[in-house]
């Protein structure tokens, strides 16, 4: 079987409603951390530090040294800052006050 020398991958990140998504080529054998570093996400969002945030591929957590495959989307996950159950409750309360 013919082995690819490069592969297409992407990196996705969201911070305060701003979206970052970039697709690019990396050498075969590159890791999730390599993709984040190559993407330039930290230049636009300094808080997007792959050493501090959790990484995932298509919604599944991975370690930074996870080897990528063609078409993988590496995602950076920020810490949860609100209880997910309290947000809908707060939204309903705000609507009722309007």
C-alpha atoms as a PDB file:
ATOM      1  CA  UNK A   1       0.000   0.000   0.000  1.00  0.00           C
ATOM      2  CA  UNK A   2       1.259   3.491  -0.892  1.00  0.00           C
ATOM      3  CA  UNK A   3       1.936   5.609   2.206  1.00  0.00           C
ATOM      4  CA  UNK A   4       1.184   9.337   2.079  1.00  0.00           C
ATOM      5  CA  UNK A   5       4.039  11.705   2.816  1.00  0.00           C
ATOM      6  CA  UNK A   6       1.631  14.482   3.847  1.00  0.00           C
ATOM      7  CA  UNK A   7      -1.924  14.638   5.141  1.00  0.00           C
ATOM      8  CA  UNK A   8      -4.661  17.271   5.399  1.00  0.00           C
ATOM      9  CA  UNK A   9      -5.763  18.095   8.945  1.00  0.00           C
ATOM     10  CA  UNK A  10      -7.537  20.997  10.622  1.00  0.00           C
ATOM     11  CA  UNK A  11      -7.560  22.775  13.972  1.00  0.00           C
ATOM     12  CA  UNK A  12     -10.671  24.279  15.588  1.00  0.00           C
ATOM     13  CA  UNK A  13     -11.040  26.563  18.615  1.00  0.00           C
ATOM     14  CA  UNK A  14     -13.747  28.886  19.962  1.00  0.00           C
ATOM     15  CA  UNK A  15     -13.230  31.681  22.474  1.00  0.00           C
ATOM     16  CA  UNK A  16     -15.871  34.223  23.506  1.00  0.00           C
ATOM     17  CA  UNK A  17     -17.928  33.558  20.381  1.00  0.00           C
ATOM     18  CA  UNK A  18     -14.974  33.957  18.007  1.00  0.00           C
ATOM     19  CA  UNK A  19     -14.220  30.919  15.872  1.00  0.00           C
ATOM     20  CA  UNK A  20     -10.852  29.704  14.619  1.00  0.00           C
ATOM     21  CA  UNK A  21     -10.674  26.971  11.998  1.00  0.00           C
ATOM     22  CA  UNK A  22      -7.728  26.300   9.756  1.00  0.00           C
ATOM     23  CA  UNK A  23      -7.036  23.408   7.382  1.00  0.00           C
ATOM     24  CA  UNK A  24      -3.506  22.637   6.206  1.00  0.00           C
ATOM     25  CA  UNK A  25      -1.044  19.866   5.315  1.00  0.00           C
ATOM     26  CA  UNK A  26       1.372  18.228   7.740  1.00  0.00           C
ATOM     27  CA  UNK A  27       3.902  15.442   7.288  1.00  0.00           C
ATOM     28  CA  UNK A  28       2.571  11.943   7.924  1.00  0.00           C
ATOM     29  CA  UNK A  29       3.279  10.938  11.520  1.00  0.00           C
ATOM     30  CA  UNK A  30       2.530  14.411  12.928  1.00  0.00           C
ATOM     31  CA  UNK A  31       0.804  14.662  16.303  1.00  0.00           C
ATOM     32  CA  UNK A  32      -2.147  16.638  17.653  1.00  0.00           C
ATOM     33  CA  UNK A  33       0.330  19.012  19.319  1.00  0.00           C
ATOM     34  CA  UNK A  34       2.171  19.474  16.004  1.00  0.00           C
ATOM     35  CA  UNK A  35      -1.110  20.481  14.354  1.00  0.00           C
ATOM     36  CA  UNK A  36      -1.988  23.039  17.027  1.00  0.00           C
ATOM     37  CA  UNK A  37       1.508  24.514  16.903  1.00  0.00           C
ATOM     38  CA  UNK A  38       1.467  24.711  13.085  1.00  0.00           C
ATOM     39  CA  UNK A  39      -2.061  26.184  12.922  1.00  0.00           C
ATOM     40  CA  UNK A  40      -1.171  29.584  14.381  1.00  0.00           C
ATOM     41  CA  UNK A  41      -4.130  29.514  16.781  1.00  0.00           C
ATOM     42  CA  UNK A  42      -1.973  30.864  19.633  1.00  0.00           C
ATOM     43  CA  UNK A  43      -1.030  33.957  17.633  1.00  0.00           C
ATOM     44  CA  UNK A  44      -4.722  34.862  17.376  1.00  0.00           C
ATOM     45  CA  UNK A  45      -5.782  33.478  20.780  1.00  0.00           C
ATOM     46  CA  UNK A  46      -2.899  33.500  23.290  1.00  0.00           C
ATOM     47  CA  UNK A  47      -5.029  31.525  25.777  1.00  0.00           C
ATOM     48  CA  UNK A  48      -5.163  28.597  23.317  1.00  0.00           C
ATOM     49  CA  UNK A  49      -2.145  26.963  24.927  1.00  0.00           C
ATOM     50  CA  UNK A  50      -2.080  23.256  24.026  1.00  0.00           C
ATOM     51  CA  UNK A  51       0.017  22.586  27.148  1.00  0.00           C
ATOM     52  CA  UNK A  52      -2.816  23.954  29.340  1.00  0.00           C
ATOM     53  CA  UNK A  53      -5.972  22.977  27.417  1.00  0.00           C
ATOM     54  CA  UNK A  54      -7.349  19.548  26.638  1.00  0.00           C
ATOM     55  CA  UNK A  55      -7.231  18.363  23.023  1.00  0.00           C
ATOM     56  CA  UNK A  56      -9.652  16.217  21.085  1.00  0.00           C
ATOM     57  CA  UNK A  57     -10.286  14.824  17.624  1.00  0.00           C
ATOM     58  CA  UNK A  58     -13.896  15.005  16.436  1.00  0.00           C
ATOM     59  CA  UNK A  59     -15.145  15.396  20.020  1.00  0.00           C
ATOM     60  CA  UNK A  60     -13.104  12.586  21.565  1.00  0.00           C
ATOM     61  CA  UNK A  61     -10.333  13.511  24.029  1.00  0.00           C
ATOM     62  CA  UNK A  62      -6.780  12.687  22.928  1.00  0.00           C
ATOM     63  CA  UNK A  63      -3.293  13.190  24.317  1.00  0.00           C
ATOM     64  CA  UNK A  64      -1.048  15.786  22.631  1.00  0.00           C
ATOM     65  CA  UNK A  65       1.223  13.027  21.303  1.00  0.00           C
ATOM     66  CA  UNK A  66      -1.645  11.277  19.469  1.00  0.00           C
ATOM     67  CA  UNK A  67      -0.551  10.604  15.889  1.00  0.00           C
ATOM     68  CA  UNK A  68      -2.939  12.134  13.358  1.00  0.00           C
ATOM     69  CA  UNK A  69      -4.637  10.586  10.363  1.00  0.00           C
ATOM     70  CA  UNK A  70      -5.753  12.134   7.072  1.00  0.00           C
ATOM     71  CA  UNK A  71      -8.743  14.442   7.631  1.00  0.00           C
ATOM     72  CA  UNK A  72      -8.515  14.660  11.441  1.00  0.00           C
ATOM     73  CA  UNK A  73      -9.875  17.816  13.096  1.00  0.00           C
ATOM     74  CA  UNK A  74      -7.952  18.697  16.255  1.00  0.00           C
ATOM     75  CA  UNK A  75     -10.027  20.666  18.759  1.00  0.00           C
ATOM     76  CA  UNK A  76      -8.853  22.644  21.783  1.00  0.00           C
ATOM     77  CA  UNK A  77     -11.221  22.532  24.764  1.00  0.00           C
ATOM     78  CA  UNK A  78     -11.384  25.401  27.254  1.00  0.00           C
ATOM     79  CA  UNK A  79     -12.372  24.669  30.858  1.00  0.00           C
ATOM     80  CA  UNK A  80     -16.087  24.827  31.652  1.00  0.00           C
ATOM     81  CA  UNK A  81     -16.785  28.136  33.406  1.00  0.00           C
ATOM     82  CA  UNK A  82     -20.473  27.608  34.241  1.00  0.00           C
ATOM     83  CA  UNK A  83     -22.503  24.672  35.474  1.00  0.00           C
ATOM     84  CA  UNK A  84     -24.161  23.332  32.283  1.00  0.00           C
ATOM     85  CA  UNK A  85     -27.414  22.731  34.185  1.00  0.00           C
ATOM     86  CA  UNK A  86     -27.579  26.277  35.557  1.00  0.00           C
ATOM     87  CA  UNK A  87     -27.214  28.017  32.176  1.00  0.00           C
ATOM     88  CA  UNK A  88     -30.665  27.012  30.801  1.00  0.00           C
ATOM     89  CA  UNK A  89     -32.205  27.900  34.181  1.00  0.00           C
ATOM     90  CA  UNK A  90     -30.502  31.327  34.140  1.00  0.00           C
ATOM     91  CA  UNK A  91     -31.637  31.915  30.549  1.00  0.00           C
ATOM     92  CA  UNK A  92     -35.262  31.107  31.473  1.00  0.00           C
ATOM     93  CA  UNK A  93     -35.100  33.454  34.471  1.00  0.00           C
ATOM     94  CA  UNK A  94     -33.743  36.260  32.287  1.00  0.00           C
ATOM     95  CA  UNK A  95     -36.544  35.695  29.734  1.00  0.00           C
ATOM     96  CA  UNK A  96     -39.194  35.805  32.469  1.00  0.00           C
ATOM     97  CA  UNK A  97     -37.838  39.145  33.718  1.00  0.00           C
ATOM     98  CA  UNK A  98     -38.116  40.728  30.251  1.00  0.00           C
END
